[in-house]
Amino acid sequence: MPTILITGASGRTSGFVIRALLQATNYVQPSDLRLFVRSHESAKRLQERFPQLADAVYTVGDLLEAHTLSPALAGVDTVFHNGPAFHALESAMGIALIDAAAQAGVRHFVYCSVLFPVLSKMLNHKAKLA
């Protein structure tokens, strides 16, 4: 079974990914999931939302702090990365994670992002143009 790291695991979009993976029981087990969150409180909320994730590995870190990325990626085959939508440094976070994943030997990387980020009417898009 592949080991899958999901960033922003307590967020809405990553929640859809987690739900889909848990429903595909022949593909992945909860113990194959590594869930990257920003705080222990986020991990607790995620466990309450998905009780079946009791065997998942929770990694608390910050996508802007490189020293938190390497431990999260150790032994990971696949990364599903969904950066924080309203953060002006979303691109820097993605690049840092891609670089760390390459160093860790991750085989598959799924980068989830926004279409048409130049549309400045959305606050998160406007922040990225600055």
C-alpha atoms as a PDB file:
ATOM      1  CA  MET A   1       0.000   0.000   0.000  1.00  0.00           C
ATOM      2  CA  PRO A   2       1.244   3.515  -0.744  1.00  0.00           C
ATOM      3  CA  THR A   3       1.904   5.988   2.046  1.00  0.00           C
ATOM      4  CA  ILE A   4       0.117   9.244   1.266  1.00  0.00           C
ATOM      5  CA  LEU A   5       0.868  12.630   2.799  1.00  0.00           C
ATOM      6  CA  ILE A   6      -2.055  15.055   2.724  1.00  0.00           C
ATOM      7  CA  THR A   7      -1.238  18.671   3.517  1.00  0.00           C
ATOM      8  CA  GLY A   8      -3.878  20.984   4.913  1.00  0.00           C
ATOM      9  CA  ALA A   9      -5.520  17.782   6.077  1.00  0.00           C
ATOM     10  CA  SER A  10      -8.025  19.528   8.329  1.00  0.00           C
ATOM     11  CA  GLY A  11      -9.236  21.771   5.504  1.00  0.00           C
ATOM     12  CA  ARG A  12     -12.329  21.395   3.388  1.00  0.00           C
ATOM     13  CA  THR A  13     -10.742  20.258   0.111  1.00  0.00           C
ATOM     14  CA  SER A  14      -8.365  17.812   1.778  1.00  0.00           C
ATOM     15  CA  GLY A  15     -11.354  16.457   3.702  1.00  0.00           C
ATOM     16  CA  PHE A  16     -12.947  15.469   0.395  1.00  0.00           C
ATOM     17  CA  VAL A  17      -9.721  13.675  -0.569  1.00  0.00           C
ATOM     18  CA  ILE A  18      -9.545  11.877   2.778  1.00  0.00           C
ATOM     19  CA  ARG A  19     -13.183  10.794   2.483  1.00  0.00           C
ATOM     20  CA  ALA A  20     -12.614   9.451  -1.049  1.00  0.00           C
ATOM     21  CA  LEU A  21      -9.505   7.551   0.032  1.00  0.00           C
ATOM     22  CA  LEU A  22     -11.275   6.016   3.016  1.00  0.00           C
ATOM     23  CA  GLN A  23     -14.133   4.892   0.770  1.00  0.00           C
ATOM     24  CA  ALA A  24     -11.655   3.194  -1.578  1.00  0.00           C
ATOM     25  CA  THR A  25     -10.911   0.527   1.041  1.00  0.00           C
ATOM     26  CA  ASN A  26      -8.986  -1.714  -1.344  1.00  0.00           C
ATOM     27  CA  TYR A  27      -6.572   1.089  -2.150  1.00  0.00           C
ATOM     28  CA  VAL A  28      -5.510   2.613   1.144  1.00  0.00           C
ATOM     29  CA  GLN A  29      -5.858   1.980   4.863  1.00  0.00           C
ATOM     30  CA  PRO A  30      -5.967   4.753   7.482  1.00  0.00           C
ATOM     31  CA  SER A  31      -2.529   3.649   8.686  1.00  0.00           C
ATOM     32  CA  ASP A  32      -1.198   4.495   5.178  1.00  0.00           C
ATOM     33  CA  LEU A  33      -2.202   8.138   5.586  1.00  0.00           C
ATOM     34  CA  ARG A  34       0.063  10.852   6.929  1.00  0.00           C
ATOM     35  CA  LEU A  35      -1.930  13.969   7.723  1.00  0.00           C
ATOM     36  CA  PHE A  36      -0.060  17.278   7.813  1.00  0.00           C
ATOM     37  CA  VAL A  37      -1.753  19.869  10.035  1.00  0.00           C
ATOM     38  CA  ARG A  38      -0.697  23.165  11.616  1.00  0.00           C
ATOM     39  CA  SER A  39      -1.607  22.352  15.214  1.00  0.00           C
ATOM     40  CA  HIS A  40      -2.529  19.601  17.634  1.00  0.00           C
ATOM     41  CA  GLU A  41      -5.988  21.192  17.831  1.00  0.00           C
ATOM     42  CA  SER A  42      -6.389  20.720  14.066  1.00  0.00           C
ATOM     43  CA  ALA A  43      -5.405  17.061  14.422  1.00  0.00           C
ATOM     44  CA  LYS A  44      -7.945  16.610  17.206  1.00  0.00           C
ATOM     45  CA  ARG A  45     -10.724  18.178  15.114  1.00  0.00           C
ATOM     46  CA  LEU A  46      -9.777  15.935  12.191  1.00  0.00           C
ATOM     47  CA  GLN A  47      -9.949  12.830  14.400  1.00  0.00           C
ATOM     48  CA  GLU A  48     -13.382  13.906  15.642  1.00  0.00           C
ATOM     49  CA  ARG A  49     -14.544  14.448  12.056  1.00  0.00           C
ATOM     50  CA  PHE A  50     -13.123  11.114  10.835  1.00  0.00           C
ATOM     51  CA  PRO A  51     -13.058   8.624  13.747  1.00  0.00           C
ATOM     52  CA  GLN A  52     -11.784   5.937  11.356  1.00  0.00           C
ATOM     53  CA  LEU A  53      -8.449   7.857  11.165  1.00  0.00           C
ATOM     54  CA  ALA A  54      -7.330   6.600  14.568  1.00  0.00           C
ATOM     55  CA  ASP A  55      -4.452   4.687  12.904  1.00  0.00           C
ATOM     56  CA  ALA A  56      -3.363   7.558  10.659  1.00  0.00           C
ATOM     57  CA  VAL A  57      -0.104   9.382  11.364  1.00  0.00           C
ATOM     58  CA  TYR A  58      -0.539  13.050  12.231  1.00  0.00           C
ATOM     59  CA  THR A  59       2.317  15.432  11.548  1.00  0.00           C
ATOM     60  CA  VAL A  60       2.191  18.947  12.964  1.00  0.00           C
ATOM     61  CA  GLY A  61       4.215  21.439  10.961  1.00  0.00           C
ATOM     62  CA  ASP A  62       4.449  24.614   8.965  1.00  0.00           C
ATOM     63  CA  LEU A  63       4.920  24.639   5.205  1.00  0.00           C
ATOM     64  CA  LEU A  64       7.252  27.642   5.552  1.00  0.00           C
ATOM     65  CA  GLU A  65       9.527  25.845   8.013  1.00  0.00           C
ATOM     66  CA  ALA A  66      11.696  23.390   6.076  1.00  0.00           C
ATOM     67  CA  HIS A  67      12.669  21.429   9.194  1.00  0.00           C
ATOM     68  CA  THR A  68       9.026  20.288   9.552  1.00  0.00           C
ATOM     69  CA  LEU A  69       8.804  18.990   5.986  1.00  0.00           C
ATOM     70  CA  SER A  70      11.480  16.289   5.949  1.00  0.00           C
ATOM     71  CA  PRO A  71      10.010  14.279   8.856  1.00  0.00           C
ATOM     72  CA  ALA A  72       6.556  14.525   7.304  1.00  0.00           C
ATOM     73  CA  LEU A  73       7.844  13.170   3.974  1.00  0.00           C
ATOM     74  CA  ALA A  74       9.967  10.298   5.286  1.00  0.00           C
ATOM     75  CA  GLY A  75       8.712   7.081   3.696  1.00  0.00           C
ATOM     76  CA  VAL A  76       5.964   8.813   1.707  1.00  0.00           C
ATOM     77  CA  ASP A  77       5.137   7.594  -1.807  1.00  0.00           C
ATOM     78  CA  THR A  78       2.526  10.184  -2.765  1.00  0.00           C
ATOM     79  CA  VAL A  79       1.788  13.762  -1.720  1.00  0.00           C
ATOM     80  CA  PHE A  80      -1.542  15.502  -2.095  1.00  0.00           C
ATOM     81  CA  HIS A  81      -0.777  19.178  -1.533  1.00  0.00           C
ATOM     82  CA  ASN A  82      -3.492  21.753  -1.135  1.00  0.00           C
ATOM     83  CA  GLY A  83      -1.954  25.044  -0.081  1.00  0.00           C
ATOM     84  CA  PRO A  84      -3.777  27.576   2.079  1.00  0.00           C
ATOM     85  CA  ALA A  85      -6.032  29.577  -0.222  1.00  0.00           C
ATOM     86  CA  PHE A  86      -5.754  32.945   1.498  1.00  0.00           C
ATOM     87  CA  HIS A  87      -2.013  32.975   2.119  1.00  0.00           C
ATOM     88  CA  ALA A  88       0.154  35.325   0.037  1.00  0.00           C
ATOM     89  CA  LEU A  89       3.051  32.825   0.272  1.00  0.00           C
ATOM     90  CA  GLU A  90       1.103  29.855  -1.066  1.00  0.00           C
ATOM     91  CA  SER A  91       3.503  29.528  -4.018  1.00  0.00           C
ATOM     92  CA  ALA A  92       6.581  29.562  -1.764  1.00  0.00           C
ATOM     93  CA  MET A  93       5.000  26.860   0.383  1.00  0.00           C
ATOM     94  CA  GLY A  94       4.316  24.717  -2.658  1.00  0.00           C
ATOM     95  CA  ILE A  95       7.841  25.112  -3.991  1.00  0.00           C
ATOM     96  CA  ALA A  96       9.352  24.267  -0.598  1.00  0.00           C
ATOM     97  CA  LEU A  97       7.225  21.137  -0.366  1.00  0.00           C
ATOM     98  CA  ILE A  98       8.000  20.068  -3.937  1.00  0.00           C
ATOM     99  CA  ASP A  99      11.737  20.473  -3.269  1.00  0.00           C
ATOM    100  CA  ALA A 100      11.522  18.528   0.004  1.00  0.00           C
ATOM    101  CA  ALA A 101       9.437  15.805  -1.664  1.00  0.00           C
ATOM    102  CA  ALA A 102      12.008  15.427  -4.446  1.00  0.00           C
ATOM    103  CA  GLN A 103      14.786  15.091  -1.854  1.00  0.00           C
ATOM    104  CA  ALA A 104      12.723  12.495   0.047  1.00  0.00           C
ATOM    105  CA  GLY A 105      12.189  10.421  -3.104  1.00  0.00           C
ATOM    106  CA  VAL A 106       8.431  10.910  -3.309  1.00  0.00           C
ATOM    107  CA  ARG A 107       7.192   9.261  -6.492  1.00  0.00           C
ATOM    108  CA  HIS A 108       3.897  11.084  -7.063  1.00  0.00           C
ATOM    109  CA  PHE A 109       2.933  14.667  -6.278  1.00  0.00           C
ATOM    110  CA  VAL A 110      -0.558  16.069  -6.703  1.00  0.00           C
ATOM    111  CA  TYR A 111      -0.627  19.867  -6.544  1.00  0.00           C
ATOM    112  CA  CYS A 112      -4.105  21.233  -5.951  1.00  0.00           C
ATOM    113  CA  SER A 113      -4.429  24.929  -6.671  1.00  0.00           C
ATOM    114  CA  VAL A 114      -6.766  27.563  -8.022  1.00  0.00           C
ATOM    115  CA  LEU A 115      -7.535  28.088 -11.684  1.00  0.00           C
ATOM    116  CA  PHE A 116      -6.992  31.578 -13.027  1.00  0.00           C
ATOM    117  CA  PRO A 117      -5.144  33.093 -10.041  1.00  0.00           C
ATOM    118  CA  VAL A 118      -4.883  36.390 -11.928  1.00  0.00           C
ATOM    119  CA  LEU A 119      -8.583  37.098 -11.356  1.00  0.00           C
ATOM    120  CA  SER A 120      -8.135  39.835  -8.767  1.00  0.00           C
ATOM    121  CA  LYS A 121     -11.762  40.059  -7.622  1.00  0.00           C
ATOM    122  CA  MET A 122     -11.080  37.208  -5.199  1.00  0.00           C
ATOM    123  CA  LEU A 123      -9.089  38.275  -2.141  1.00  0.00           C
ATOM    124  CA  ASN A 124      -6.817  35.232  -2.137  1.00  0.00           C
ATOM    125  CA  HIS A 125      -5.927  35.842  -5.809  1.00  0.00           C
ATOM    126  CA  LYS A 126      -5.311  39.542  -5.275  1.00  0.00           C
ATOM    127  CA  ALA A 127      -2.919  38.787  -2.394  1.00  0.00           C
ATOM    128  CA  LYS A 128      -0.839  36.554  -4.667  1.00  0.00           C
ATOM    129  CA  LEU A 129      -0.324  39.338  -7.188  1.00  0.00           C
ATOM    130  CA  ALA A 130       1.293  41.648  -4.624  1.00  0.00           C
END
